[in-house]
Amino acid sequence: MNRQAIRRSFDRAAPRYDTAAALQRQVCELLLATLPDLAPANILDAGCGTGHALGLLGRRWPAARVVAADFAPGMLRVAGRRHPLVCADIEALPFAAAGFDLYWSSLAFQWCEPVRAVAEAARVLAPGGTLAVSSLGPGTLAELNAAFAGIDEHDHVLSFAAPATLAQACATAGLGDIGIEQRRLCLRHADLPTLLRGLKVIGANQISRPRRPGLLGRQAWRAIEARYEARRDDAGLPATYEVVLCTARKAIS
């Protein structure tokens, strides 16, 4: 993925991000529930976005120092100043080694190269420290993928790595006690344009290459909408997200 394009997309999305971030809030709660009893003194929220997890982390560990990092300046402006904020790419963190007891990152790793991101996480974790990461798996937006299938030779929907890729990245970085859980969350939308607008609002409208150089025609859009409408139920149009929850621990040397 083009990381500069992703940064620009999230920077533009920041002012309206929280209006469409229901998935992000649900996933934060799921990730927090996976963690055992801990007593971290220093926590890093890597890829903090607008800072929703900062409140959750602060309430669970009120005595901890929480540092937030995100590579989109607009996200940090929305996150506020209750915690130290650092504009940084989680693939190249500007922190000294072994400085954090808990490395937290919710729904940021799908925009990263897992091996580099986990290696940085392992570097900044103190011995005995815990990693807690949520990401998205390849089953995400399966309905949208199916609606666009065969329309042309270009990519139109994001693709995500398998959960095993994240587990292997943890092992490569020397982390142990690796745990992977998969959950499927299904959100409902009034129609396809509403779904697509929501993805754009949260900055998730970047796709892998090659990207279509122009707009789809009216006939193609009618076909896509008809395919998606066939999936409608009483609650609306479903959009499924395969959520990957990963925990690991850095050995005490």
C-alpha atoms as a PDB file:
ATOM      1  CA  MET A   1       0.000   0.000   0.000  1.00  0.00           C
ATOM      2  CA  ASN A   2       1.057   3.599  -0.609  1.00  0.00           C
ATOM      3  CA  ARG A   3       1.670   4.844   2.906  1.00  0.00           C
ATOM      4  CA  GLN A   4       1.816   8.511   1.921  1.00  0.00           C
ATOM      5  CA  ALA A   5      -1.612   8.173   0.289  1.00  0.00           C
ATOM      6  CA  ILE A   6      -2.928   6.422   3.404  1.00  0.00           C
ATOM      7  CA  ARG A   7      -1.574   9.203   5.623  1.00  0.00           C
ATOM      8  CA  ARG A   8      -3.249  11.861   3.485  1.00  0.00           C
ATOM      9  CA  SER A   9      -6.507   9.918   3.482  1.00  0.00           C
ATOM     10  CA  PHE A  10      -6.626   9.631   7.279  1.00  0.00           C
ATOM     11  CA  ASP A  11      -5.520  13.217   7.721  1.00  0.00           C
ATOM     12  CA  ARG A  12      -8.482  14.381   5.615  1.00  0.00           C
ATOM     13  CA  ALA A  13     -10.822  11.962   7.396  1.00  0.00           C
ATOM     14  CA  ALA A  14      -9.926  13.060  10.936  1.00  0.00           C
ATOM     15  CA  PRO A  15     -12.573  15.787  11.507  1.00  0.00           C
ATOM     16  CA  ARG A  16     -15.465  13.438  10.674  1.00  0.00           C
ATOM     17  CA  TYR A  17     -13.853  10.136  11.636  1.00  0.00           C
ATOM     18  CA  ASP A  18     -15.740   9.548  14.876  1.00  0.00           C
ATOM     19  CA  THR A  19     -19.127   9.931  13.168  1.00  0.00           C
ATOM     20  CA  ALA A  20     -18.518   6.690  11.247  1.00  0.00           C
ATOM     21  CA  ALA A  21     -16.189   4.749  13.550  1.00  0.00           C
ATOM     22  CA  ALA A  22     -18.647   2.291  15.126  1.00  0.00           C
ATOM     23  CA  LEU A  23     -16.491  -0.666  14.079  1.00  0.00           C
ATOM     24  CA  GLN A  24     -13.370   0.879  15.600  1.00  0.00           C
ATOM     25  CA  ARG A  25     -15.121   1.367  18.942  1.00  0.00           C
ATOM     26  CA  GLN A  26     -16.404  -2.215  19.021  1.00  0.00           C
ATOM     27  CA  VAL A  27     -12.989  -3.630  18.182  1.00  0.00           C
ATOM     28  CA  CYS A  28     -11.301  -1.624  20.944  1.00  0.00           C
ATOM     29  CA  GLU A  29     -13.661  -3.204  23.461  1.00  0.00           C
ATOM     30  CA  LEU A  30     -12.965  -6.690  22.076  1.00  0.00           C
ATOM     31  CA  LEU A  31      -9.210  -6.183  22.204  1.00  0.00           C
ATOM     32  CA  LEU A  32      -9.313  -4.861  25.761  1.00  0.00           C
ATOM     33  CA  ALA A  33     -11.306  -7.927  26.836  1.00  0.00           C
ATOM     34  CA  THR A  34      -8.540 -10.257  25.581  1.00  0.00           C
ATOM     35  CA  LEU A  35      -5.979  -8.843  28.004  1.00  0.00           C
ATOM     36  CA  PRO A  36      -5.242 -10.619  31.289  1.00  0.00           C
ATOM     37  CA  ASP A  37      -4.654  -8.849  34.581  1.00  0.00           C
ATOM     38  CA  LEU A  38      -1.741  -6.508  33.978  1.00  0.00           C
ATOM     39  CA  ALA A  39      -0.190  -3.565  35.786  1.00  0.00           C
ATOM     40  CA  PRO A  40       1.590  -1.595  33.062  1.00  0.00           C
ATOM     41  CA  ALA A  41       3.363   1.579  34.118  1.00  0.00           C
ATOM     42  CA  ASN A  42       3.892   2.798  30.557  1.00  0.00           C
ATOM     43  CA  ILE A  43       1.496   2.169  27.644  1.00  0.00           C
ATOM     44  CA  LEU A  44       1.883   3.013  23.968  1.00  0.00           C
ATOM     45  CA  ASP A  45      -1.223   3.410  21.797  1.00  0.00           C
ATOM     46  CA  ALA A  46       0.331   2.947  18.364  1.00  0.00           C
ATOM     47  CA  GLY A  47      -1.860   4.241  15.553  1.00  0.00           C
ATOM     48  CA  CYS A  48      -4.174   5.936  18.052  1.00  0.00           C
ATOM     49  CA  GLY A  49      -6.426   7.637  15.479  1.00  0.00           C
ATOM     50  CA  THR A  50      -8.746  10.099  17.200  1.00  0.00           C
ATOM     51  CA  GLY A  51      -7.940   8.601  20.578  1.00  0.00           C
ATOM     52  CA  HIS A  52     -10.963   6.462  21.446  1.00  0.00           C
ATOM     53  CA  ALA A  53      -8.790   3.794  23.100  1.00  0.00           C
ATOM     54  CA  LEU A  54      -7.027   6.357  25.282  1.00  0.00           C
ATOM     55  CA  GLY A  55     -10.084   6.649  27.514  1.00  0.00           C
ATOM     56  CA  LEU A  56     -10.465   2.867  27.747  1.00  0.00           C
ATOM     57  CA  LEU A  57      -6.815   2.387  28.635  1.00  0.00           C
ATOM     58  CA  GLY A  58      -6.862   5.245  31.128  1.00  0.00           C
ATOM     59  CA  ARG A  59      -9.903   3.880  32.931  1.00  0.00           C
ATOM     60  CA  ARG A  60      -8.502   0.361  33.182  1.00  0.00           C
ATOM     61  CA  TRP A  61      -5.032   1.513  34.258  1.00  0.00           C
ATOM     62  CA  PRO A  62      -5.501   4.970  35.783  1.00  0.00           C
ATOM     63  CA  ALA A  63      -1.997   5.056  37.242  1.00  0.00           C
ATOM     64  CA  ALA A  64      -0.280   4.286  33.918  1.00  0.00           C
ATOM     65  CA  ARG A  65       1.403   6.803  31.642  1.00  0.00           C
ATOM     66  CA  VAL A  66      -0.204   6.503  28.201  1.00  0.00           C
ATOM     67  CA  VAL A  67       1.587   7.792  25.102  1.00  0.00           C
ATOM     68  CA  ALA A  68      -0.304   8.059  21.814  1.00  0.00           C
ATOM     69  CA  ALA A  69       1.275   7.897  18.360  1.00  0.00           C
ATOM     70  CA  ASP A  70      -0.248   8.302  14.912  1.00  0.00           C
ATOM     71  CA  PHE A  71       1.226   9.229  11.554  1.00  0.00           C
ATOM     72  CA  ALA A  72      -1.702  11.481  10.559  1.00  0.00           C
ATOM     73  CA  PRO A  73      -1.401  14.946  12.200  1.00  0.00           C
ATOM     74  CA  GLY A  74      -5.132  15.507  11.768  1.00  0.00           C
ATOM     75  CA  MET A  75      -5.907  12.491  13.929  1.00  0.00           C
ATOM     76  CA  LEU A  76      -3.684  13.787  16.731  1.00  0.00           C
ATOM     77  CA  ARG A  77      -5.379  17.181  16.620  1.00  0.00           C
ATOM     78  CA  VAL A  78      -8.730  15.492  17.240  1.00  0.00           C
ATOM     79  CA  ALA A  79      -7.276  13.219  19.942  1.00  0.00           C
ATOM     80  CA  GLY A  80      -6.591  16.248  22.150  1.00  0.00           C
ATOM     81  CA  ARG A  81      -3.922  16.886  24.749  1.00  0.00           C
ATOM     82  CA  ARG A  82      -4.810  14.729  27.736  1.00  0.00           C
ATOM     83  CA  HIS A  83      -1.914  12.390  26.907  1.00  0.00           C
ATOM     84  CA  PRO A  84       1.505  12.834  25.274  1.00  0.00           C
ATOM     85  CA  LEU A  85       0.983  12.770  21.492  1.00  0.00           C
ATOM     86  CA  VAL A  86       3.664  11.872  18.952  1.00  0.00           C
ATOM     87  CA  CYS A  87       3.337  12.096  15.174  1.00  0.00           C
ATOM     88  CA  ALA A  88       5.087   8.921  14.067  1.00  0.00           C
ATOM     89  CA  ASP A  89       4.833   5.932  11.758  1.00  0.00           C
ATOM     90  CA  ILE A  90       4.401   2.713  13.727  1.00  0.00           C
ATOM     91  CA  GLU A  91       6.823   1.027  11.322  1.00  0.00           C
ATOM     92  CA  ALA A  92       9.570   3.424  12.527  1.00  0.00           C
ATOM     93  CA  LEU A  93       8.821   4.556  16.072  1.00  0.00           C
ATOM     94  CA  PRO A  94      10.906   7.399  17.574  1.00  0.00           C
ATOM     95  CA  PHE A  95      11.073   5.789  21.029  1.00  0.00           C
ATOM     96  CA  ALA A  96      13.949   4.223  22.885  1.00  0.00           C
ATOM     97  CA  ALA A  97      14.055   0.472  23.265  1.00  0.00           C
ATOM     98  CA  ALA A  98      12.257  -1.270  26.132  1.00  0.00           C
ATOM     99  CA  GLY A  99      10.244   1.773  27.195  1.00  0.00           C
ATOM    100  CA  PHE A 100       6.689   0.374  27.330  1.00  0.00           C
ATOM    101  CA  ASP A 101       5.032  -2.374  29.343  1.00  0.00           C
ATOM    102  CA  LEU A 102       1.991  -2.553  27.033  1.00  0.00           C
ATOM    103  CA  TYR A 103       2.025  -1.984  23.281  1.00  0.00           C
ATOM    104  CA  TRP A 104      -1.549  -1.418  22.100  1.00  0.00           C
ATOM    105  CA  SER A 105      -2.610  -0.951  18.480  1.00  0.00           C
ATOM    106  CA  SER A 106      -6.213  -1.259  17.327  1.00  0.00           C
ATOM    107  CA  LEU A 107      -7.084  -1.361  13.621  1.00  0.00           C
ATOM    108  CA  ALA A 108      -3.845   0.174  12.402  1.00  0.00           C
ATOM    109  CA  PHE A 109      -1.827  -2.910  11.436  1.00  0.00           C
ATOM    110  CA  GLN A 110      -3.894  -3.581   8.307  1.00  0.00           C
ATOM    111  CA  TRP A 111      -2.249  -0.469   6.825  1.00  0.00           C
ATOM    112  CA  CYS A 112       1.266  -1.705   7.689  1.00  0.00           C
ATOM    113  CA  GLU A 113       3.832  -4.277   6.708  1.00  0.00           C
ATOM    114  CA  PRO A 114       3.355  -6.676   9.645  1.00  0.00           C
ATOM    115  CA  VAL A 115       6.980  -7.779  10.008  1.00  0.00           C
ATOM    116  CA  ARG A 116       8.248  -4.196  10.289  1.00  0.00           C
ATOM    117  CA  ALA A 117       5.438  -3.058  12.586  1.00  0.00           C
ATOM    118  CA  VAL A 118       5.783  -6.017  14.958  1.00  0.00           C
ATOM    119  CA  ALA A 119       9.577  -5.694  14.996  1.00  0.00           C
ATOM    120  CA  GLU A 120       9.175  -2.092  16.164  1.00  0.00           C
ATOM    121  CA  ALA A 121       6.625  -3.170  18.746  1.00  0.00           C
ATOM    122  CA  ALA A 122       9.022  -5.791  20.096  1.00  0.00           C
ATOM    123  CA  ARG A 123      11.847  -3.251  20.190  1.00  0.00           C
ATOM    124  CA  VAL A 124       9.967  -0.707  22.313  1.00  0.00           C
ATOM    125  CA  LEU A 125       8.445  -3.317  24.654  1.00  0.00           C
ATOM    126  CA  ALA A 126      10.161  -3.848  27.979  1.00  0.00           C
ATOM    127  CA  PRO A 127      11.091  -7.423  28.925  1.00  0.00           C
ATOM    128  CA  GLY A 128       7.920  -9.108  30.102  1.00  0.00           C
ATOM    129  CA  GLY A 129       5.828  -6.530  28.246  1.00  0.00           C
ATOM    130  CA  THR A 130       2.596  -7.346  26.427  1.00  0.00           C
ATOM    131  CA  LEU A 131       1.579  -6.723  22.839  1.00  0.00           C
ATOM    132  CA  ALA A 132      -2.117  -6.279  22.020  1.00  0.00           C
ATOM    133  CA  VAL A 133      -3.023  -5.719  18.379  1.00  0.00           C
ATOM    134  CA  SER A 134      -6.231  -5.835  16.385  1.00  0.00           C
ATOM    135  CA  SER A 135      -6.296  -5.935  12.612  1.00  0.00           C
ATOM    136  CA  LEU A 136      -8.553  -7.009   9.766  1.00  0.00           C
ATOM    137  CA  GLY A 137      -8.426 -10.362   7.978  1.00  0.00           C
ATOM    138  CA  PRO A 138      -9.104 -11.413   4.388  1.00  0.00           C
ATOM    139  CA  GLY A 139     -12.812 -12.035   4.997  1.00  0.00           C
ATOM    140  CA  THR A 140     -13.381  -8.313   5.521  1.00  0.00           C
ATOM    141  CA  LEU A 141     -15.979  -6.730   3.222  1.00  0.00           C
ATOM    142  CA  ALA A 142     -16.585 -10.043   1.476  1.00  0.00           C
ATOM    143  CA  GLU A 143     -19.971  -8.799   0.278  1.00  0.00           C
ATOM    144  CA  LEU A 144     -18.400  -5.751  -1.337  1.00  0.00           C
ATOM    145  CA  ASN A 145     -15.687  -7.884  -2.917  1.00  0.00           C
ATOM    146  CA  ALA A 146     -18.327 -10.166  -4.415  1.00  0.00           C
ATOM    147  CA  ALA A 147     -20.317  -7.216  -5.766  1.00  0.00           C
ATOM    148  CA  PHE A 148     -17.267  -5.844  -7.589  1.00  0.00           C
ATOM    149  CA  ALA A 149     -15.966  -9.231  -8.800  1.00  0.00           C
ATOM    150  CA  GLY A 150     -15.371  -9.394 -12.544  1.00  0.00           C
ATOM    151  CA  ILE A 151     -16.429  -5.798 -13.225  1.00  0.00           C
ATOM    152  CA  ASP A 152     -13.007  -5.092 -14.720  1.00  0.00           C
ATOM    153  CA  GLU A 153      -9.378  -6.111 -14.234  1.00  0.00           C
ATOM    154  CA  HIS A 154      -8.676  -3.524 -11.520  1.00  0.00           C
ATOM    155  CA  ASP A 155      -8.775  -3.715  -7.723  1.00  0.00           C
ATOM    156  CA  HIS A 156     -11.713  -1.960  -6.095  1.00  0.00           C
ATOM    157  CA  VAL A 157     -11.737  -3.350  -2.558  1.00  0.00           C
ATOM    158  CA  LEU A 158      -9.016  -3.570   0.061  1.00  0.00           C
ATOM    159  CA  SER A 159      -7.341  -6.927   0.669  1.00  0.00           C
ATOM    160  CA  PHE A 160      -5.933  -7.920   4.048  1.00  0.00           C
ATOM    161  CA  ALA A 161      -3.375 -10.441   5.280  1.00  0.00           C
ATOM    162  CA  ALA A 162      -4.294 -13.765   6.848  1.00  0.00           C
ATOM    163  CA  PRO A 163      -4.146 -14.013  10.667  1.00  0.00           C
ATOM    164  CA  ALA A 164      -1.218 -16.418  10.370  1.00  0.00           C
ATOM    165  CA  THR A 165       0.825 -13.589   8.857  1.00  0.00           C
ATOM    166  CA  LEU A 166       0.507 -11.569  12.062  1.00  0.00           C
ATOM    167  CA  ALA A 167       1.293 -14.582  14.226  1.00  0.00           C
ATOM    168  CA  GLN A 168       4.394 -15.323  12.150  1.00  0.00           C
ATOM    169  CA  ALA A 169       5.520 -11.693  12.422  1.00  0.00           C
ATOM    170  CA  CYS A 170       5.326 -11.993  16.215  1.00  0.00           C
ATOM    171  CA  ALA A 171       7.356 -15.190  16.163  1.00  0.00           C
ATOM    172  CA  THR A 172       9.943 -13.622  13.846  1.00  0.00           C
ATOM    173  CA  ALA A 173      10.296 -10.698  16.267  1.00  0.00           C
ATOM    174  CA  GLY A 174      11.007 -13.119  19.118  1.00  0.00           C
ATOM    175  CA  LEU A 175       7.712 -12.674  20.946  1.00  0.00           C
ATOM    176  CA  GLY A 176       6.132 -15.604  22.746  1.00  0.00           C
ATOM    177  CA  ASP A 177       2.795 -16.655  24.224  1.00  0.00           C
ATOM    178  CA  ILE A 178       1.208 -15.671  20.915  1.00  0.00           C
ATOM    179  CA  GLY A 179      -2.565 -15.776  20.865  1.00  0.00           C
ATOM    180  CA  ILE A 180      -4.764 -15.216  17.820  1.00  0.00           C
ATOM    181  CA  GLU A 181      -8.538 -14.867  17.937  1.00  0.00           C
ATOM    182  CA  GLN A 182     -10.863 -14.188  15.022  1.00  0.00           C
ATOM    183  CA  ARG A 183     -14.244 -12.521  15.320  1.00  0.00           C
ATOM    184  CA  ARG A 184     -16.750 -11.563  12.660  1.00  0.00           C
ATOM    185  CA  LEU A 185     -18.622  -8.319  13.100  1.00  0.00           C
ATOM    186  CA  CYS A 186     -21.441  -7.415  10.749  1.00  0.00           C
ATOM    187  CA  LEU A 187     -22.585  -3.821  10.359  1.00  0.00           C
ATOM    188  CA  ARG A 188     -25.714  -2.878   8.419  1.00  0.00           C
ATOM    189  CA  HIS A 189     -26.139   0.017   5.991  1.00  0.00           C
ATOM    190  CA  ALA A 190     -29.138   1.602   4.314  1.00  0.00           C
ATOM    191  CA  ASP A 191     -27.650   1.201   0.821  1.00  0.00           C
ATOM    192  CA  LEU A 192     -24.368   0.817  -1.053  1.00  0.00           C
ATOM    193  CA  PRO A 193     -23.625   4.570  -1.373  1.00  0.00           C
ATOM    194  CA  THR A 194     -24.008   4.910   2.409  1.00  0.00           C
ATOM    195  CA  LEU A 195     -21.514   2.080   2.975  1.00  0.00           C
ATOM    196  CA  LEU A 196     -19.003   3.590   0.550  1.00  0.00           C
ATOM    197  CA  ARG A 197     -19.352   7.057   2.081  1.00  0.00           C
ATOM    198  CA  GLY A 198     -18.734   5.564   5.514  1.00  0.00           C
ATOM    199  CA  LEU A 199     -15.528   3.900   4.308  1.00  0.00           C
ATOM    200  CA  LYS A 200     -14.366   7.207   2.865  1.00  0.00           C
ATOM    201  CA  VAL A 201     -15.173   9.097   6.065  1.00  0.00           C
ATOM    202  CA  ILE A 202     -12.924   6.770   8.101  1.00  0.00           C
ATOM    203  CA  GLY A 203     -10.168   7.039   5.501  1.00  0.00           C
ATOM    204  CA  ALA A 204     -10.486   3.401   4.451  1.00  0.00           C
ATOM    205  CA  ASN A 205     -10.922   4.053   0.749  1.00  0.00           C
ATOM    206  CA  GLN A 206      -7.339   3.302  -0.262  1.00  0.00           C
ATOM    207  CA  ILE A 207      -6.788   0.114  -2.254  1.00  0.00           C
ATOM    208  CA  SER A 208      -3.830  -1.902  -3.422  1.00  0.00           C
ATOM    209  CA  ARG A 209      -2.445  -1.530  -6.929  1.00  0.00           C
ATOM    210  CA  PRO A 210      -3.224  -1.486  -9.812  1.00  0.00           C
ATOM    211  CA  ARG A 211      -5.931   1.083  -9.280  1.00  0.00           C
ATOM    212  CA  ARG A 212      -8.518   1.968 -11.899  1.00  0.00           C
ATOM    213  CA  PRO A 213      -7.521   5.260 -13.569  1.00  0.00           C
ATOM    214  CA  GLY A 214     -11.082   6.492 -14.185  1.00  0.00           C
ATOM    215  CA  LEU A 215     -14.623   6.194 -12.892  1.00  0.00           C
ATOM    216  CA  LEU A 216     -16.847   3.202 -13.460  1.00  0.00           C
ATOM    217  CA  GLY A 217     -19.720   3.691 -15.894  1.00  0.00           C
ATOM    218  CA  ARG A 218     -23.376   3.851 -14.947  1.00  0.00           C
ATOM    219  CA  GLN A 219     -24.089   0.342 -16.207  1.00  0.00           C
ATOM    220  CA  ALA A 220     -21.274  -1.128 -14.108  1.00  0.00           C
ATOM    221  CA  TRP A 221     -22.544   0.644 -11.001  1.00  0.00           C
ATOM    222  CA  ARG A 222     -26.063  -0.642 -11.603  1.00  0.00           C
ATOM    223  CA  ALA A 223     -24.696  -4.195 -11.790  1.00  0.00           C
ATOM    224  CA  ILE A 224     -22.681  -3.733  -8.576  1.00  0.00           C
ATOM    225  CA  GLU A 225     -25.638  -2.296  -6.683  1.00  0.00           C
ATOM    226  CA  ALA A 226     -27.932  -5.085  -7.901  1.00  0.00           C
ATOM    227  CA  ARG A 227     -25.482  -7.735  -6.684  1.00  0.00           C
ATOM    228  CA  TYR A 228     -25.226  -6.099  -3.281  1.00  0.00           C
ATOM    229  CA  GLU A 229     -28.980  -5.521  -2.991  1.00  0.00           C
ATOM    230  CA  ALA A 230     -29.489  -9.276  -3.355  1.00  0.00           C
ATOM    231  CA  ARG A 231     -27.903  -9.597   0.107  1.00  0.00           C
ATOM    232  CA  ARG A 232     -30.304  -7.200   1.832  1.00  0.00           C
ATOM    233  CA  ASP A 233     -32.116  -8.445   4.934  1.00  0.00           C
ATOM    234  CA  ASP A 234     -34.572  -6.800   7.304  1.00  0.00           C
ATOM    235  CA  ALA A 235     -31.765  -4.844   8.995  1.00  0.00           C
ATOM    236  CA  GLY A 236     -30.249  -3.484   5.774  1.00  0.00           C
ATOM    237  CA  LEU A 237     -27.223  -4.287   3.647  1.00  0.00           C
ATOM    238  CA  PRO A 238     -24.620  -6.350   5.543  1.00  0.00           C
ATOM    239  CA  ALA A 239     -20.940  -5.483   5.639  1.00  0.00           C
ATOM    240  CA  THR A 240     -18.843  -8.154   7.359  1.00  0.00           C
ATOM    241  CA  TYR A 241     -15.498  -7.466   9.013  1.00  0.00           C
ATOM    242  CA  GLU A 242     -13.109 -10.267   9.951  1.00  0.00           C
ATOM    243  CA  VAL A 243     -11.428  -8.947  13.076  1.00  0.00           C
ATOM    244  CA  VAL A 244      -8.095 -10.422  14.126  1.00  0.00           C
ATOM    245  CA  LEU A 245      -7.082 -10.054  17.782  1.00  0.00           C
ATOM    246  CA  CYS A 246      -3.448 -10.793  18.550  1.00  0.00           C
ATOM    247  CA  THR A 247      -1.670 -10.853  21.895  1.00  0.00           C
ATOM    248  CA  ALA A 248       1.934 -11.772  22.618  1.00  0.00           C
ATOM    249  CA  ARG A 249       4.580 -11.305  25.274  1.00  0.00           C
ATOM    250  CA  LYS A 250       8.207 -10.268  25.241  1.00  0.00           C
ATOM    251  CA  ALA A 251      10.416 -12.660  27.153  1.00  0.00           C
ATOM    252  CA  ILE A 252      12.154 -11.611  30.337  1.00  0.00           C
ATOM    253  CA  SER A 253      15.811 -11.939  29.479  1.00  0.00           C
END
